[in-house]
Amino acid sequence: MAKDHDIEVEWKSFELRPEGVETPSHSPEYYEQAKANVKRMSEQYGLEMKWNDKSKHSRHALEGAKFAEKQGLDNEYHDAVFKAHFQQEKTINDIDTLVKIAENIGLDPRAFRTALESREYEQQVVSEMEEAQRHGVTAVPCFISGTKGVLGAQTYKSLLKLIGEEA
């Protein structure tokens, strides 16, 4: 859609489970419902998605996204991280996993690892999360165009409406 409609995509950081905050315990029924929701969305949108309970946090992945952005590979990085999480059930907060992802999309693995281990982009990620909080973002995905925004998975038609084009 971005290419078809000459839309500039700007990725911003948002943690569903902030670093340092442990995930609350839920009942087995809650997890079964969550897994069913992922399956339903997968079928509804024609995407391969699996339930992944390995990745409790994503701070390193978000910091890696800022590195990839500086190299002009932010879309490729996000696609690869989403695939790793939702299709390959990998831990996307693990530095070794992220280095492999970065290398596979053409990023320098040594420079990428150094950036993550030094926390070079941590403050930028934290600032973006604070910005999201100020704007009332409570979930992902969130799409914003101008002064309008929508939360959650959206149809192609609804995103065209958001940007002011008809389907």
C-alpha atoms as a PDB file:
ATOM      1  CA  MET A   1       0.000   0.000   0.000  1.00  0.00           C
ATOM      2  CA  ALA A   2       2.819   2.419   0.848  1.00  0.00           C
ATOM      3  CA  LYS A   3       4.384   1.957  -2.589  1.00  0.00           C
ATOM      4  CA  ASP A   4       1.064   1.940  -4.474  1.00  0.00           C
ATOM      5  CA  HIS A   5      -0.050   5.226  -2.924  1.00  0.00           C
ATOM      6  CA  ASP A   6       3.320   6.935  -2.375  1.00  0.00           C
ATOM      7  CA  ILE A   7       2.902   6.878   1.406  1.00  0.00           C
ATOM      8  CA  GLU A   8       5.815   7.488   3.729  1.00  0.00           C
ATOM      9  CA  VAL A   9       5.776   4.998   6.593  1.00  0.00           C
ATOM     10  CA  GLU A  10       7.360   6.073   9.849  1.00  0.00           C
ATOM     11  CA  TRP A  11       7.723   3.280  12.389  1.00  0.00           C
ATOM     12  CA  LYS A  12       7.452   4.293  16.047  1.00  0.00           C
ATOM     13  CA  SER A  13       8.303   2.253  19.128  1.00  0.00           C
ATOM     14  CA  PHE A  14       5.614   0.805  21.396  1.00  0.00           C
ATOM     15  CA  GLU A  15       5.972  -1.979  23.949  1.00  0.00           C
ATOM     16  CA  LEU A  16       2.919  -4.024  24.837  1.00  0.00           C
ATOM     17  CA  ARG A  17       4.880  -5.455  27.750  1.00  0.00           C
ATOM     18  CA  PRO A  18       7.368  -2.780  28.885  1.00  0.00           C
ATOM     19  CA  GLU A  19      10.876  -3.876  29.786  1.00  0.00           C
ATOM     20  CA  GLY A  20      11.167  -4.594  33.497  1.00  0.00           C
ATOM     21  CA  VAL A  21       7.440  -5.263  33.921  1.00  0.00           C
ATOM     22  CA  GLU A  22       6.563  -8.907  34.285  1.00  0.00           C
ATOM     23  CA  THR A  23       3.594 -10.288  32.420  1.00  0.00           C
ATOM     24  CA  PRO A  24       0.693 -10.918  34.800  1.00  0.00           C
ATOM     25  CA  SER A  25      -0.492 -14.480  35.204  1.00  0.00           C
ATOM     26  CA  HIS A  26      -3.745 -15.439  33.535  1.00  0.00           C
ATOM     27  CA  SER A  27      -5.968 -18.465  33.604  1.00  0.00           C
ATOM     28  CA  PRO A  28      -5.572 -21.270  31.075  1.00  0.00           C
ATOM     29  CA  GLU A  29      -8.922 -20.162  29.609  1.00  0.00           C
ATOM     30  CA  TYR A  30      -7.533 -16.666  28.978  1.00  0.00           C
ATOM     31  CA  TYR A  31      -4.602 -18.101  27.015  1.00  0.00           C
ATOM     32  CA  GLU A  32      -6.855 -20.423  25.026  1.00  0.00           C
ATOM     33  CA  GLN A  33      -9.022 -17.435  24.075  1.00  0.00           C
ATOM     34  CA  ALA A  34      -5.945 -15.391  23.128  1.00  0.00           C
ATOM     35  CA  LYS A  35      -4.649 -18.230  20.956  1.00  0.00           C
ATOM     36  CA  ALA A  36      -8.069 -18.539  19.319  1.00  0.00           C
ATOM     37  CA  ASN A  37      -8.040 -14.789  18.592  1.00  0.00           C
ATOM     38  CA  VAL A  38      -4.657 -15.058  16.858  1.00  0.00           C
ATOM     39  CA  LYS A  39      -5.956 -17.978  14.793  1.00  0.00           C
ATOM     40  CA  ARG A  40      -9.115 -16.048  13.887  1.00  0.00           C
ATOM     41  CA  MET A  41      -7.142 -12.989  12.794  1.00  0.00           C
ATOM     42  CA  SER A  42      -4.781 -15.190  10.801  1.00  0.00           C
ATOM     43  CA  GLU A  43      -7.704 -16.675   8.914  1.00  0.00           C
ATOM     44  CA  GLN A  44      -9.584 -13.368   8.579  1.00  0.00           C
ATOM     45  CA  TYR A  45      -6.633 -11.506   7.066  1.00  0.00           C
ATOM     46  CA  GLY A  46      -5.094 -14.431   5.191  1.00  0.00           C
ATOM     47  CA  LEU A  47      -1.838 -14.247   7.127  1.00  0.00           C
ATOM     48  CA  GLU A  48       0.237 -17.001   8.642  1.00  0.00           C
ATOM     49  CA  MET A  49       0.268 -16.200  12.362  1.00  0.00           C
ATOM     50  CA  LYS A  50       1.023 -18.438  15.306  1.00  0.00           C
ATOM     51  CA  TRP A  51       0.703 -17.867  19.021  1.00  0.00           C
ATOM     52  CA  ASN A  52       4.151 -17.125  20.435  1.00  0.00           C
ATOM     53  CA  ASP A  53       4.579 -17.087  24.179  1.00  0.00           C
ATOM     54  CA  LYS A  54       8.396 -16.985  24.015  1.00  0.00           C
ATOM     55  CA  SER A  55       8.781 -13.231  23.580  1.00  0.00           C
ATOM     56  CA  LYS A  56       7.687 -11.461  26.731  1.00  0.00           C
ATOM     57  CA  HIS A  57       9.453  -8.203  25.837  1.00  0.00           C
ATOM     58  CA  SER A  58      10.572  -6.418  22.681  1.00  0.00           C
ATOM     59  CA  ARG A  59      12.900  -3.591  23.758  1.00  0.00           C
ATOM     60  CA  HIS A  60      15.950  -5.015  21.950  1.00  0.00           C
ATOM     61  CA  ALA A  61      13.890  -5.571  18.796  1.00  0.00           C
ATOM     62  CA  LEU A  62      12.689  -1.957  18.933  1.00  0.00           C
ATOM     63  CA  GLU A  63      16.242  -0.688  19.415  1.00  0.00           C
ATOM     64  CA  GLY A  64      17.322  -2.829  16.468  1.00  0.00           C
ATOM     65  CA  ALA A  65      14.591  -1.183  14.400  1.00  0.00           C
ATOM     66  CA  LYS A  66      16.178   2.212  14.997  1.00  0.00           C
ATOM     67  CA  PHE A  67      19.535   0.852  13.788  1.00  0.00           C
ATOM     68  CA  ALA A  68      17.849  -0.587  10.681  1.00  0.00           C
ATOM     69  CA  GLU A  69      16.074   2.706  10.067  1.00  0.00           C
ATOM     70  CA  LYS A  70      19.397   4.551   9.948  1.00  0.00           C
ATOM     71  CA  GLN A  71      20.522   2.071   7.281  1.00  0.00           C
ATOM     72  CA  GLY A  72      17.324   2.487   5.238  1.00  0.00           C
ATOM     73  CA  LEU A  73      16.136  -1.056   5.981  1.00  0.00           C
ATOM     74  CA  ASP A  74      13.411  -0.375   8.537  1.00  0.00           C
ATOM     75  CA  ASN A  75      10.572  -1.939   6.518  1.00  0.00           C
ATOM     76  CA  GLU A  76      12.659  -5.046   5.783  1.00  0.00           C
ATOM     77  CA  TYR A  77      13.652  -5.304   9.445  1.00  0.00           C
ATOM     78  CA  HIS A  78      10.084  -5.016  10.713  1.00  0.00           C
ATOM     79  CA  ASP A  79       8.886  -7.613   8.205  1.00  0.00           C
ATOM     80  CA  ALA A  80      11.654  -9.997   9.289  1.00  0.00           C
ATOM     81  CA  VAL A  81      10.983  -9.477  13.023  1.00  0.00           C
ATOM     82  CA  PHE A  82       7.234  -9.982  12.562  1.00  0.00           C
ATOM     83  CA  LYS A  83       7.933 -13.176  10.619  1.00  0.00           C
ATOM     84  CA  ALA A  84      10.344 -14.378  13.321  1.00  0.00           C
ATOM     85  CA  HIS A  85       7.794 -13.725  16.064  1.00  0.00           C
ATOM     86  CA  PHE A  86       4.481 -14.685  14.455  1.00  0.00           C
ATOM     87  CA  GLN A  87       5.553 -17.406  12.033  1.00  0.00           C
ATOM     88  CA  GLN A  88       8.790 -18.885  13.335  1.00  0.00           C
ATOM     89  CA  GLU A  89       7.983 -18.515  17.064  1.00  0.00           C
ATOM     90  CA  LYS A  90      11.371 -17.004  17.878  1.00  0.00           C
ATOM     91  CA  THR A  91      12.288 -14.880  20.882  1.00  0.00           C
ATOM     92  CA  ILE A  92      12.530 -11.357  19.485  1.00  0.00           C
ATOM     93  CA  ASN A  93      14.146  -9.881  22.576  1.00  0.00           C
ATOM     94  CA  ASP A  94      17.154 -12.189  22.244  1.00  0.00           C
ATOM     95  CA  ILE A  95      20.196 -10.358  20.856  1.00  0.00           C
ATOM     96  CA  ASP A  96      21.603 -13.418  19.039  1.00  0.00           C
ATOM     97  CA  THR A  97      18.260 -13.970  17.285  1.00  0.00           C
ATOM     98  CA  LEU A  98      18.072 -10.312  16.286  1.00  0.00           C
ATOM     99  CA  VAL A  99      21.641 -10.302  14.974  1.00  0.00           C
ATOM    100  CA  LYS A 100      20.757 -13.230  12.673  1.00  0.00           C
ATOM    101  CA  ILE A 101      17.667 -11.377  11.469  1.00  0.00           C
ATOM    102  CA  ALA A 102      19.724  -8.227  10.851  1.00  0.00           C
ATOM    103  CA  GLU A 103      22.374 -10.129   8.922  1.00  0.00           C
ATOM    104  CA  ASN A 104      19.736 -11.880   6.799  1.00  0.00           C
ATOM    105  CA  ILE A 105      18.356  -8.544   5.583  1.00  0.00           C
ATOM    106  CA  GLY A 106      21.804  -7.110   4.816  1.00  0.00           C
ATOM    107  CA  LEU A 107      22.746  -5.240   7.981  1.00  0.00           C
ATOM    108  CA  ASP A 108      26.272  -5.428   9.382  1.00  0.00           C
ATOM    109  CA  PRO A 109      25.913  -8.007  12.186  1.00  0.00           C
ATOM    110  CA  ARG A 110      28.853  -6.693  14.241  1.00  0.00           C
ATOM    111  CA  ALA A 111      27.678  -3.081  14.152  1.00  0.00           C
ATOM    112  CA  PHE A 112      24.115  -4.205  14.896  1.00  0.00           C
ATOM    113  CA  ARG A 113      25.226  -6.258  17.919  1.00  0.00           C
ATOM    114  CA  THR A 114      27.346  -3.375  19.195  1.00  0.00           C
ATOM    115  CA  ALA A 115      24.376  -0.998  18.929  1.00  0.00           C
ATOM    116  CA  LEU A 116      22.148  -3.377  20.914  1.00  0.00           C
ATOM    117  CA  GLU A 117      24.718  -4.246  23.561  1.00  0.00           C
ATOM    118  CA  SER A 118      25.646  -0.585  24.093  1.00  0.00           C
ATOM    119  CA  ARG A 119      21.938   0.385  24.191  1.00  0.00           C
ATOM    120  CA  GLU A 120      22.712   3.097  21.628  1.00  0.00           C
ATOM    121  CA  TYR A 121      19.034   3.522  20.689  1.00  0.00           C
ATOM    122  CA  GLU A 122      17.389   2.894  24.055  1.00  0.00           C
ATOM    123  CA  GLN A 123      16.632   6.558  24.790  1.00  0.00           C
ATOM    124  CA  GLN A 124      15.082   7.056  21.354  1.00  0.00           C
ATOM    125  CA  VAL A 125      12.819   4.044  21.942  1.00  0.00           C
ATOM    126  CA  VAL A 126      11.834   5.303  25.403  1.00  0.00           C
ATOM    127  CA  SER A 127      11.079   8.776  23.998  1.00  0.00           C
ATOM    128  CA  GLU A 128       8.837   7.308  21.309  1.00  0.00           C
ATOM    129  CA  MET A 129       6.954   5.235  23.867  1.00  0.00           C
ATOM    130  CA  GLU A 130       6.414   8.367  25.977  1.00  0.00           C
ATOM    131  CA  GLU A 131       5.132  10.135  22.846  1.00  0.00           C
ATOM    132  CA  ALA A 132       2.691   7.279  22.212  1.00  0.00           C
ATOM    133  CA  GLN A 133       1.448   7.544  25.784  1.00  0.00           C
ATOM    134  CA  ARG A 134       0.887  11.300  25.398  1.00  0.00           C
ATOM    135  CA  HIS A 135      -1.175  10.629  22.265  1.00  0.00           C
ATOM    136  CA  GLY A 136      -3.273   7.964  23.978  1.00  0.00           C
ATOM    137  CA  VAL A 137      -1.937   4.964  22.053  1.00  0.00           C
ATOM    138  CA  THR A 138      -2.793   1.864  24.061  1.00  0.00           C
ATOM    139  CA  ALA A 139      -2.360  -0.953  21.552  1.00  0.00           C
ATOM    140  CA  VAL A 140      -0.676  -1.961  18.340  1.00  0.00           C
ATOM    141  CA  PRO A 141      -0.957  -1.783  15.503  1.00  0.00           C
ATOM    142  CA  CYS A 142      -1.863   1.886  15.447  1.00  0.00           C
ATOM    143  CA  PHE A 143      -2.056   3.832  12.216  1.00  0.00           C
ATOM    144  CA  ILE A 144      -1.899   7.635  12.167  1.00  0.00           C
ATOM    145  CA  SER A 145      -2.293   9.937   9.202  1.00  0.00           C
ATOM    146  CA  GLY A 146      -2.284  13.655   9.887  1.00  0.00           C
ATOM    147  CA  THR A 147      -4.514  14.149  12.926  1.00  0.00           C
ATOM    148  CA  LYS A 148      -6.555  10.943  12.463  1.00  0.00           C
ATOM    149  CA  GLY A 149      -5.682   7.516  13.771  1.00  0.00           C
ATOM    150  CA  VAL A 150      -7.039   4.010  14.199  1.00  0.00           C
ATOM    151  CA  LEU A 151      -6.048   1.186  16.526  1.00  0.00           C
ATOM    152  CA  GLY A 152      -5.941  -2.486  15.703  1.00  0.00           C
ATOM    153  CA  ALA A 153      -5.742  -4.546  12.557  1.00  0.00           C
ATOM    154  CA  GLN A 154      -7.394  -2.720   9.663  1.00  0.00           C
ATOM    155  CA  THR A 155      -8.639  -3.605   6.234  1.00  0.00           C
ATOM    156  CA  TYR A 156      -6.972  -2.147   3.175  1.00  0.00           C
ATOM    157  CA  LYS A 157     -10.138  -0.129   2.511  1.00  0.00           C
ATOM    158  CA  SER A 158     -10.180   1.425   5.998  1.00  0.00           C
ATOM    159  CA  LEU A 159      -6.511   2.432   5.683  1.00  0.00           C
ATOM    160  CA  LEU A 160      -7.221   4.080   2.323  1.00  0.00           C
ATOM    161  CA  LYS A 161     -10.044   5.998   4.003  1.00  0.00           C
ATOM    162  CA  LEU A 162      -7.666   7.066   6.787  1.00  0.00           C
ATOM    163  CA  ILE A 163      -5.234   8.570   4.284  1.00  0.00           C
ATOM    164  CA  GLY A 164      -8.063  10.257   2.396  1.00  0.00           C
ATOM    165  CA  GLU A 165      -8.283   7.991  -0.649  1.00  0.00           C
ATOM    166  CA  GLU A 166     -11.189   5.853  -1.738  1.00  0.00           C
ATOM    167  CA  ALA A 167     -10.750   2.160  -2.431  1.00  0.00           C
END
